[in-house]
Amino acid sequence: MDKRNIVLVGFMGTGKTTVGRILSEQTDMPLVDMDSIIEERVGKSIRTIFAVEGEPYFRNLERELVKELSAQSTQVISTGGGIVLNPENISDYEKTGLVICLLASADEILNRVLHDDTRPLLSGDKATQIPQLLKDRQLFYEAISHKINTSGLAPKTIAAQIIELYKTNNP
């Protein structure tokens, strides 16, 4: 393995954290979960940060963390679902890593997050909110060079595909 990061982006519920754990185990690269770091540093849940400070505040925290993490190497980075909203985030990550967008159908995402109440952008009718958010972010996700549709795939299968991409896509 080389020194580049593996950066997982994509909508919530597409498998970034689950696949990231497997990648970390299989590559011996540490898993860095951006949302967890932000929660730890601020001392509040993402949901609370959104509710009290607002989404722009959270996106600023996220941006600063991207700058920090993209200056490091040899790690698996699991990003938050909205990281793509600022193209500078992806640009920074592409300089030191392989960025892979994990995709899934709206139905698959709904099944995965149906009972998860920690996601601030899904606080109402998830069946309506998920397709709308996916539509709003579609162009951002499509702009990522490497994509894997995780619908119906086992996390280990997804991780194996990512490792193969990592080995064959050298800068």
N, C-alpha and C. Protein backbone atom coordinates (compact mmCIF):
# COMPACT_ATOMS: atom_id res chain seq x y z
N MET A 1 0.84 -1.20 0.00
CA MET A 1 0.00 0.00 0.00
C MET A 1 0.89 1.26 0.00
N ASP A 2 0.38 2.27 -0.63
CA ASP A 2 1.13 3.52 -0.65
C ASP A 2 0.70 4.42 0.50
N LYS A 3 1.06 5.66 0.44
CA LYS A 3 0.81 6.58 1.56
C LYS A 3 -0.47 7.38 1.43
N ARG A 4 -1.16 7.27 0.29
CA ARG A 4 -2.37 8.05 0.09
C ARG A 4 -3.47 7.66 1.09
N ASN A 5 -4.34 8.60 1.33
CA ASN A 5 -5.54 8.32 2.13
C ASN A 5 -6.58 7.64 1.24
N ILE A 6 -7.50 6.95 1.88
CA ILE A 6 -8.71 6.47 1.23
C ILE A 6 -9.83 7.31 1.85
N VAL A 7 -10.52 8.07 1.02
CA VAL A 7 -11.54 8.99 1.51
C VAL A 7 -12.91 8.53 1.01
N LEU A 8 -13.79 8.22 1.95
CA LEU A 8 -15.12 7.75 1.62
C LEU A 8 -16.12 8.89 1.75
N VAL A 9 -16.77 9.22 0.65
CA VAL A 9 -17.81 10.24 0.65
C VAL A 9 -19.11 9.60 0.17
N GLY A 10 -20.21 10.29 0.39
CA GLY A 10 -21.49 9.78 -0.07
C GLY A 10 -22.59 10.15 0.91
N PHE A 11 -23.80 9.91 0.49
CA PHE A 11 -24.98 10.25 1.29
C PHE A 11 -24.98 9.43 2.58
N MET A 12 -25.66 9.93 3.59
CA MET A 12 -25.79 9.18 4.85
C MET A 12 -26.42 7.81 4.57
N GLY A 13 -25.93 6.81 5.27
CA GLY A 13 -26.49 5.47 5.12
C GLY A 13 -25.97 4.69 3.93
N THR A 14 -24.94 5.19 3.25
CA THR A 14 -24.41 4.45 2.10
C THR A 14 -23.30 3.48 2.51
N GLY A 15 -22.87 3.53 3.77
CA GLY A 15 -21.90 2.55 4.26
C GLY A 15 -20.52 3.08 4.55
N LYS A 16 -20.36 4.39 4.61
CA LYS A 16 -19.03 4.97 4.78
C LYS A 16 -18.34 4.47 6.05
N THR A 17 -19.03 4.49 7.16
CA THR A 17 -18.41 4.09 8.43
C THR A 17 -18.20 2.59 8.49
N THR A 18 -19.20 1.82 8.09
CA THR A 18 -19.09 0.36 8.12
C THR A 18 -17.97 -0.13 7.21
N VAL A 19 -17.96 0.36 5.98
CA VAL A 19 -16.92 -0.04 5.04
C VAL A 19 -15.57 0.51 5.50
N GLY A 20 -15.56 1.70 6.06
CA GLY A 20 -14.32 2.28 6.58
C GLY A 20 -13.67 1.41 7.64
N ARG A 21 -14.48 0.84 8.53
CA ARG A 21 -13.94 -0.06 9.57
C ARG A 21 -13.26 -1.28 8.94
N ILE A 22 -13.91 -1.85 7.94
CA ILE A 22 -13.34 -3.02 7.27
C ILE A 22 -12.05 -2.64 6.55
N LEU A 23 -12.07 -1.52 5.85
CA LEU A 23 -10.86 -1.06 5.16
C LEU A 23 -9.71 -0.84 6.14
N SER A 24 -10.03 -0.26 7.28
CA SER A 24 -9.01 -0.02 8.30
C SER A 24 -8.38 -1.33 8.76
N GLU A 25 -9.23 -2.32 9.00
CA GLU A 25 -8.72 -3.63 9.43
C GLU A 25 -7.87 -4.28 8.35
N GLN A 26 -8.30 -4.18 7.11
CA GLN A 26 -7.62 -4.88 6.03
C GLN A 26 -6.36 -4.18 5.53
N THR A 27 -6.26 -2.89 5.78
CA THR A 27 -5.10 -2.13 5.29
C THR A 27 -4.14 -1.71 6.41
N ASP A 28 -4.56 -1.91 7.64
CA ASP A 28 -3.79 -1.42 8.81
C ASP A 28 -3.64 0.09 8.81
N MET A 29 -4.54 0.77 8.12
CA MET A 29 -4.58 2.23 8.15
C MET A 29 -5.63 2.64 9.18
N PRO A 30 -5.36 3.65 9.99
CA PRO A 30 -6.36 4.05 10.99
C PRO A 30 -7.62 4.62 10.32
N LEU A 31 -8.77 4.34 10.93
CA LEU A 31 -10.03 4.92 10.48
C LEU A 31 -10.24 6.24 11.19
N VAL A 32 -10.49 7.28 10.41
CA VAL A 32 -10.77 8.60 10.94
C VAL A 32 -12.20 8.94 10.55
N ASP A 33 -13.08 9.03 11.53
CA ASP A 33 -14.48 9.35 11.28
C ASP A 33 -14.68 10.83 11.59
N MET A 34 -14.92 11.62 10.55
CA MET A 34 -14.99 13.07 10.72
C MET A 34 -16.07 13.51 11.71
N ASP A 35 -17.26 12.93 11.61
CA ASP A 35 -18.33 13.32 12.52
C ASP A 35 -17.96 13.05 13.98
N SER A 36 -17.31 11.91 14.22
CA SER A 36 -16.90 11.58 15.59
C SER A 36 -15.87 12.57 16.12
N ILE A 37 -14.93 12.96 15.27
CA ILE A 37 -13.92 13.94 15.69
C ILE A 37 -14.57 15.27 16.03
N ILE A 38 -15.48 15.72 15.17
CA ILE A 38 -16.16 16.99 15.43
C ILE A 38 -16.95 16.92 16.73
N GLU A 39 -17.68 15.84 16.94
CA GLU A 39 -18.44 15.68 18.19
C GLU A 39 -17.52 15.71 19.41
N GLU A 40 -16.40 15.03 19.30
CA GLU A 40 -15.45 14.99 20.41
C GLU A 40 -14.86 16.37 20.70
N ARG A 41 -14.48 17.07 19.67
CA ARG A 41 -13.85 18.39 19.84
C ARG A 41 -14.83 19.44 20.37
N VAL A 42 -16.07 19.39 19.90
CA VAL A 42 -17.05 20.39 20.30
C VAL A 42 -17.75 19.98 21.59
N GLY A 43 -17.75 18.68 21.88
CA GLY A 43 -18.42 18.20 23.08
C GLY A 43 -19.94 18.13 22.93
N LYS A 44 -20.40 18.06 21.68
CA LYS A 44 -21.83 17.98 21.40
C LYS A 44 -22.04 17.01 20.25
N SER A 45 -23.24 16.42 20.19
CA SER A 45 -23.58 15.57 19.06
C SER A 45 -23.77 16.43 17.82
N ILE A 46 -23.65 15.80 16.66
CA ILE A 46 -23.89 16.52 15.40
C ILE A 46 -25.30 17.10 15.41
N ARG A 47 -26.25 16.31 15.88
CA ARG A 47 -27.65 16.77 15.94
C ARG A 47 -27.77 18.04 16.78
N THR A 48 -27.07 18.08 17.93
CA THR A 48 -27.10 19.26 18.81
C THR A 48 -26.39 20.45 18.16
N ILE A 49 -25.28 20.18 17.50
CA ILE A 49 -24.57 21.26 16.81
C ILE A 49 -25.48 21.91 15.78
N PHE A 50 -26.17 21.09 14.99
CA PHE A 50 -27.10 21.62 13.98
C PHE A 50 -28.21 22.43 14.65
N ALA A 51 -28.76 21.88 15.74
CA ALA A 51 -29.91 22.52 16.40
C ALA A 51 -29.53 23.83 17.09
N VAL A 52 -28.37 23.86 17.74
CA VAL A 52 -27.98 25.02 18.54
C VAL A 52 -27.17 26.04 17.74
N GLU A 53 -26.18 25.56 17.00
CA GLU A 53 -25.26 26.45 16.28
C GLU A 53 -25.65 26.67 14.82
N GLY A 54 -26.36 25.69 14.24
CA GLY A 54 -26.78 25.79 12.85
C GLY A 54 -25.87 25.06 11.89
N GLU A 55 -26.41 24.77 10.71
CA GLU A 55 -25.64 24.03 9.71
C GLU A 55 -24.41 24.80 9.22
N PRO A 56 -24.46 26.12 8.99
CA PRO A 56 -23.25 26.82 8.53
C PRO A 56 -22.08 26.67 9.52
N TYR A 57 -22.37 26.73 10.80
CA TYR A 57 -21.32 26.55 11.82
C TYR A 57 -20.70 25.16 11.68
N PHE A 58 -21.56 24.14 11.54
CA PHE A 58 -21.07 22.78 11.39
C PHE A 58 -20.22 22.65 10.12
N ARG A 59 -20.67 23.23 9.02
CA ARG A 59 -19.92 23.13 7.76
C ARG A 59 -18.56 23.81 7.87
N ASN A 60 -18.46 24.87 8.66
CA ASN A 60 -17.16 25.50 8.91
C ASN A 60 -16.23 24.59 9.69
N LEU A 61 -16.78 23.93 10.72
CA LEU A 61 -15.98 22.96 11.48
C LEU A 61 -15.49 21.84 10.56
N GLU A 62 -16.39 21.38 9.73
CA GLU A 62 -16.08 20.31 8.78
C GLU A 62 -14.97 20.75 7.83
N ARG A 63 -15.07 21.97 7.32
CA ARG A 63 -14.08 22.48 6.37
C ARG A 63 -12.69 22.55 7.00
N GLU A 64 -12.63 23.03 8.22
CA GLU A 64 -11.34 23.11 8.92
C GLU A 64 -10.74 21.72 9.13
N LEU A 65 -11.59 20.76 9.44
CA LEU A 65 -11.11 19.39 9.65
C LEU A 65 -10.62 18.78 8.33
N VAL A 66 -11.28 19.07 7.23
CA VAL A 66 -10.83 18.60 5.92
C VAL A 66 -9.41 19.11 5.66
N LYS A 67 -9.18 20.38 5.91
CA LYS A 67 -7.85 20.96 5.69
C LYS A 67 -6.80 20.21 6.52
N GLU A 68 -7.14 19.92 7.76
CA GLU A 68 -6.23 19.22 8.66
C GLU A 68 -5.96 17.79 8.18
N LEU A 69 -7.03 17.05 7.87
CA LEU A 69 -6.88 15.64 7.51
C LEU A 69 -6.24 15.46 6.13
N SER A 70 -6.52 16.37 5.22
CA SER A 70 -5.95 16.22 3.87
C SER A 70 -4.45 16.49 3.86
N ALA A 71 -3.93 17.09 4.92
CA ALA A 71 -2.49 17.31 5.04
C ALA A 71 -1.78 16.10 5.64
N GLN A 72 -2.55 15.09 6.03
CA GLN A 72 -1.99 13.86 6.60
C GLN A 72 -2.05 12.75 5.55
N SER A 73 -1.49 11.58 5.90
CA SER A 73 -1.47 10.50 4.93
C SER A 73 -1.75 9.15 5.59
N THR A 74 -1.96 8.17 4.76
CA THR A 74 -2.12 6.77 5.14
C THR A 74 -3.23 6.56 6.17
N GLN A 75 -4.41 7.04 5.84
CA GLN A 75 -5.56 6.84 6.73
C GLN A 75 -6.82 6.62 5.89
N VAL A 76 -7.78 5.96 6.51
CA VAL A 76 -9.10 5.80 5.91
C VAL A 76 -9.97 6.87 6.54
N ILE A 77 -10.54 7.74 5.72
CA ILE A 77 -11.34 8.85 6.23
C ILE A 77 -12.80 8.64 5.84
N SER A 78 -13.65 8.57 6.85
CA SER A 78 -15.10 8.49 6.64
C SER A 78 -15.65 9.89 6.85
N THR A 79 -16.20 10.47 5.79
CA THR A 79 -16.68 11.84 5.86
C THR A 79 -18.16 11.88 6.21
N GLY A 80 -18.65 13.06 6.52
CA GLY A 80 -20.07 13.26 6.69
C GLY A 80 -20.74 13.34 5.32
N GLY A 81 -22.03 13.08 5.26
CA GLY A 81 -22.76 13.04 4.00
C GLY A 81 -22.75 14.34 3.22
N GLY A 82 -22.62 15.48 3.91
CA GLY A 82 -22.68 16.77 3.25
C GLY A 82 -21.33 17.35 2.87
N ILE A 83 -20.27 16.58 3.04
CA ILE A 83 -18.92 17.07 2.74
C ILE A 83 -18.80 17.56 1.30
N VAL A 84 -19.59 16.99 0.41
CA VAL A 84 -19.52 17.33 -1.01
C VAL A 84 -20.09 18.70 -1.34
N LEU A 85 -20.83 19.29 -0.40
CA LEU A 85 -21.47 20.57 -0.66
C LEU A 85 -20.46 21.69 -0.89
N ASN A 86 -19.24 21.51 -0.39
CA ASN A 86 -18.17 22.47 -0.64
C ASN A 86 -17.13 21.78 -1.53
N PRO A 87 -17.05 22.12 -2.81
CA PRO A 87 -16.12 21.47 -3.73
C PRO A 87 -14.66 21.54 -3.29
N GLU A 88 -14.31 22.55 -2.48
CA GLU A 88 -12.94 22.65 -1.98
C GLU A 88 -12.59 21.44 -1.12
N ASN A 89 -13.58 20.88 -0.42
CA ASN A 89 -13.32 19.69 0.40
C ASN A 89 -12.84 18.54 -0.47
N ILE A 90 -13.53 18.29 -1.55
CA ILE A 90 -13.16 17.19 -2.43
C ILE A 90 -11.82 17.47 -3.09
N SER A 91 -11.63 18.69 -3.52
CA SER A 91 -10.35 19.07 -4.14
C SER A 91 -9.18 18.83 -3.19
N ASP A 92 -9.33 19.23 -1.95
CA ASP A 92 -8.27 19.02 -0.96
C ASP A 92 -8.00 17.53 -0.75
N TYR A 93 -9.06 16.75 -0.63
CA TYR A 93 -8.90 15.31 -0.39
C TYR A 93 -8.27 14.60 -1.59
N GLU A 94 -8.59 15.06 -2.79
CA GLU A 94 -8.03 14.42 -3.98
C GLU A 94 -6.53 14.63 -4.10
N LYS A 95 -6.00 15.67 -3.46
CA LYS A 95 -4.57 15.95 -3.52
C LYS A 95 -3.75 14.89 -2.79
N THR A 96 -4.33 14.29 -1.74
CA THR A 96 -3.57 13.34 -0.93
C THR A 96 -4.26 11.99 -0.78
N GLY A 97 -5.29 11.76 -1.59
CA GLY A 97 -5.98 10.50 -1.41
C GLY A 97 -6.84 10.10 -2.58
N LEU A 98 -7.33 8.89 -2.48
CA LEU A 98 -8.30 8.36 -3.44
C LEU A 98 -9.68 8.61 -2.85
N VAL A 99 -10.47 9.42 -3.54
CA VAL A 99 -11.82 9.75 -3.07
C VAL A 99 -12.80 8.83 -3.77
N ILE A 100 -13.61 8.14 -2.98
CA ILE A 100 -14.60 7.22 -3.52
C ILE A 100 -15.96 7.60 -2.97
N CYS A 101 -16.92 7.75 -3.88
CA CYS A 101 -18.28 8.08 -3.49
C CYS A 101 -19.10 6.79 -3.40
N LEU A 102 -19.65 6.53 -2.23
CA LEU A 102 -20.53 5.39 -2.04
C LEU A 102 -21.96 5.85 -2.31
N LEU A 103 -22.64 5.12 -3.15
CA LEU A 103 -24.01 5.44 -3.54
C LEU A 103 -24.96 4.33 -3.09
N ALA A 104 -26.22 4.65 -2.99
CA ALA A 104 -27.26 3.66 -2.72
C ALA A 104 -28.59 4.26 -3.16
N SER A 105 -29.55 3.41 -3.42
CA SER A 105 -30.87 3.90 -3.81
C SER A 105 -31.55 4.55 -2.60
N ALA A 106 -32.52 5.40 -2.87
CA ALA A 106 -33.27 6.06 -1.79
C ALA A 106 -33.93 5.01 -0.89
N ASP A 107 -34.48 3.95 -1.49
CA ASP A 107 -35.12 2.90 -0.69
C ASP A 107 -34.13 2.19 0.22
N GLU A 108 -32.95 1.90 -0.33
CA GLU A 108 -31.91 1.23 0.46
C GLU A 108 -31.47 2.13 1.63
N ILE A 109 -31.27 3.40 1.35
CA ILE A 109 -30.88 4.35 2.40
C ILE A 109 -31.97 4.43 3.46
N LEU A 110 -33.21 4.52 3.04
CA LEU A 110 -34.32 4.58 4.00
C LEU A 110 -34.30 3.35 4.90
N ASN A 111 -34.11 2.17 4.34
CA ASN A 111 -34.05 0.95 5.15
C ASN A 111 -32.91 1.00 6.16
N ARG A 112 -31.78 1.57 5.76
CA ARG A 112 -30.60 1.61 6.62
C ARG A 112 -30.72 2.64 7.74
N VAL A 113 -31.43 3.75 7.50
CA VAL A 113 -31.48 4.83 8.49
C VAL A 113 -32.86 5.00 9.14
N LEU A 114 -33.77 4.10 8.82
CA LEU A 114 -35.16 4.25 9.28
C LEU A 114 -35.28 4.47 10.78
N HIS A 115 -34.51 3.74 11.57
CA HIS A 115 -34.61 3.83 13.02
C HIS A 115 -33.48 4.64 13.66
N ASP A 116 -32.76 5.38 12.84
CA ASP A 116 -31.64 6.20 13.31
C ASP A 116 -32.14 7.62 13.53
N ASP A 117 -32.12 8.07 14.77
CA ASP A 117 -32.62 9.42 15.07
C ASP A 117 -31.49 10.42 15.32
N THR A 118 -30.27 10.07 14.91
CA THR A 118 -29.13 10.96 15.16
C THR A 118 -28.82 11.87 13.99
N ARG A 119 -29.52 11.74 12.89
CA ARG A 119 -29.19 12.49 11.67
C ARG A 119 -30.04 13.76 11.59
N PRO A 120 -29.40 14.92 11.77
CA PRO A 120 -30.15 16.17 11.88
C PRO A 120 -30.95 16.55 10.64
N LEU A 121 -30.51 16.14 9.46
CA LEU A 121 -31.23 16.52 8.25
C LEU A 121 -32.40 15.58 7.96
N LEU A 122 -32.55 14.54 8.80
CA LEU A 122 -33.65 13.59 8.64
C LEU A 122 -34.47 13.55 9.92
N SER A 123 -35.04 14.66 10.29
CA SER A 123 -35.77 14.72 11.56
C SER A 123 -37.27 14.60 11.37
N GLY A 124 -37.74 14.56 10.15
CA GLY A 124 -39.17 14.45 9.89
C GLY A 124 -39.49 13.19 9.12
N ASP A 125 -40.16 13.35 8.01
CA ASP A 125 -40.56 12.23 7.16
C ASP A 125 -39.38 11.79 6.29
N LYS A 126 -38.68 10.76 6.74
CA LYS A 126 -37.48 10.30 6.04
C LYS A 126 -37.78 9.86 4.61
N ALA A 127 -38.94 9.25 4.40
CA ALA A 127 -39.30 8.76 3.07
C ALA A 127 -39.42 9.90 2.05
N THR A 128 -39.73 11.09 2.52
CA THR A 128 -39.81 12.27 1.65
C THR A 128 -38.47 13.00 1.61
N GLN A 129 -37.79 13.09 2.76
CA GLN A 129 -36.56 13.87 2.85
C GLN A 129 -35.40 13.24 2.09
N ILE A 130 -35.27 11.91 2.16
CA ILE A 130 -34.12 11.24 1.53
C ILE A 130 -34.09 11.48 0.01
N PRO A 131 -35.19 11.20 -0.72
CA PRO A 131 -35.12 11.45 -2.17
C PRO A 131 -34.84 12.92 -2.51
N GLN A 132 -35.38 13.84 -1.73
CA GLN A 132 -35.14 15.26 -2.01
C GLN A 132 -33.68 15.64 -1.78
N LEU A 133 -33.11 15.19 -0.66
CA LEU A 133 -31.70 15.49 -0.39
C LEU A 133 -30.79 14.84 -1.43
N LEU A 134 -31.12 13.60 -1.83
CA LEU A 134 -30.33 12.93 -2.87
C LEU A 134 -30.38 13.74 -4.17
N LYS A 135 -31.55 14.22 -4.52
CA LYS A 135 -31.70 15.02 -5.74
C LYS A 135 -30.88 16.30 -5.63
N ASP A 136 -30.95 16.96 -4.46
CA ASP A 136 -30.21 18.20 -4.24
C ASP A 136 -28.70 18.01 -4.36
N ARG A 137 -28.22 16.84 -3.98
CA ARG A 137 -26.77 16.58 -3.95
C ARG A 137 -26.27 15.77 -5.14
N GLN A 138 -27.16 15.35 -6.01
CA GLN A 138 -26.82 14.44 -7.10
C GLN A 138 -25.63 14.92 -7.92
N LEU A 139 -25.62 16.18 -8.32
CA LEU A 139 -24.52 16.69 -9.14
C LEU A 139 -23.19 16.65 -8.40
N PHE A 140 -23.23 16.89 -7.09
CA PHE A 140 -21.99 16.83 -6.30
C PHE A 140 -21.44 15.41 -6.27
N TYR A 141 -22.34 14.43 -6.06
CA TYR A 141 -21.90 13.03 -6.02
C TYR A 141 -21.42 12.56 -7.40
N GLU A 142 -22.12 12.99 -8.44
CA GLU A 142 -21.74 12.59 -9.80
C GLU A 142 -20.37 13.14 -10.19
N ALA A 143 -19.94 14.23 -9.58
CA ALA A 143 -18.65 14.84 -9.90
C ALA A 143 -17.46 14.04 -9.37
N ILE A 144 -17.72 13.11 -8.47
CA ILE A 144 -16.64 12.28 -7.91
C ILE A 144 -16.25 11.22 -8.95
N SER A 145 -14.97 11.09 -9.23
CA SER A 145 -14.51 10.18 -10.28
C SER A 145 -14.84 8.71 -10.00
N HIS A 146 -14.64 8.29 -8.77
CA HIS A 146 -14.82 6.87 -8.43
C HIS A 146 -16.09 6.71 -7.60
N LYS A 147 -16.98 5.84 -8.10
CA LYS A 147 -18.26 5.61 -7.42
C LYS A 147 -18.52 4.12 -7.29
N ILE A 148 -19.13 3.73 -6.18
CA ILE A 148 -19.56 2.35 -5.99
C ILE A 148 -20.98 2.38 -5.46
N ASN A 149 -21.87 1.69 -6.14
CA ASN A 149 -23.24 1.57 -5.66
C ASN A 149 -23.27 0.43 -4.64
N THR A 150 -23.58 0.77 -3.40
CA THR A 150 -23.53 -0.21 -2.30
C THR A 150 -24.83 -0.96 -2.11
N SER A 151 -25.87 -0.61 -2.86
CA SER A 151 -27.16 -1.29 -2.71
C SER A 151 -27.00 -2.78 -2.98
N GLY A 152 -27.39 -3.58 -2.00
CA GLY A 152 -27.35 -5.03 -2.15
C GLY A 152 -25.98 -5.66 -2.03
N LEU A 153 -24.95 -4.88 -1.77
CA LEU A 153 -23.60 -5.44 -1.65
C LEU A 153 -23.20 -5.57 -0.18
N ALA A 154 -22.49 -6.62 0.13
CA ALA A 154 -21.96 -6.80 1.48
C ALA A 154 -20.81 -5.82 1.69
N PRO A 155 -20.68 -5.29 2.91
CA PRO A 155 -19.60 -4.34 3.18
C PRO A 155 -18.21 -4.87 2.82
N LYS A 156 -17.95 -6.16 3.02
CA LYS A 156 -16.63 -6.73 2.67
C LYS A 156 -16.40 -6.70 1.17
N THR A 157 -17.46 -6.89 0.39
CA THR A 157 -17.35 -6.83 -1.06
C THR A 157 -17.00 -5.41 -1.50
N ILE A 158 -17.64 -4.44 -0.88
CA ILE A 158 -17.38 -3.03 -1.18
C ILE A 158 -15.93 -2.69 -0.83
N ALA A 159 -15.49 -3.14 0.34
CA ALA A 159 -14.11 -2.87 0.77
C ALA A 159 -13.11 -3.48 -0.21
N ALA A 160 -13.39 -4.69 -0.69
CA ALA A 160 -12.49 -5.33 -1.65
C ALA A 160 -12.41 -4.52 -2.94
N GLN A 161 -13.54 -3.98 -3.40
CA GLN A 161 -13.54 -3.15 -4.60
C GLN A 161 -12.71 -1.89 -4.39
N ILE A 162 -12.83 -1.31 -3.21
CA ILE A 162 -12.08 -0.08 -2.91
C ILE A 162 -10.58 -0.36 -2.85
N ILE A 163 -10.20 -1.46 -2.23
CA ILE A 163 -8.77 -1.81 -2.16
C ILE A 163 -8.22 -2.01 -3.57
N GLU A 164 -8.99 -2.64 -4.44
CA GLU A 164 -8.55 -2.83 -5.83
C GLU A 164 -8.39 -1.48 -6.53
N LEU A 165 -9.35 -0.57 -6.32
CA LEU A 165 -9.23 0.78 -6.88
C LEU A 165 -7.98 1.48 -6.38
N TYR A 166 -7.73 1.33 -5.09
CA TYR A 166 -6.59 1.97 -4.44
C TYR A 166 -5.28 1.48 -5.06
N LYS A 167 -5.21 0.18 -5.33
CA LYS A 167 -3.99 -0.40 -5.89
C LYS A 167 -3.78 -0.02 -7.34
N THR A 168 -4.88 0.15 -8.09
CA THR A 168 -4.76 0.37 -9.53
C THR A 168 -4.84 1.84 -9.95
N ASN A 169 -5.22 2.73 -9.04
CA ASN A 169 -5.33 4.15 -9.38
C ASN A 169 -4.27 4.97 -8.67
N ASN A 170 -3.07 4.86 -9.15
CA ASN A 170 -1.99 5.63 -8.57
C ASN A 170 -1.89 6.97 -9.29
N PRO A 171 -1.55 8.02 -8.53
CA PRO A 171 -1.45 9.35 -9.14
C PRO A 171 -0.31 9.43 -10.15
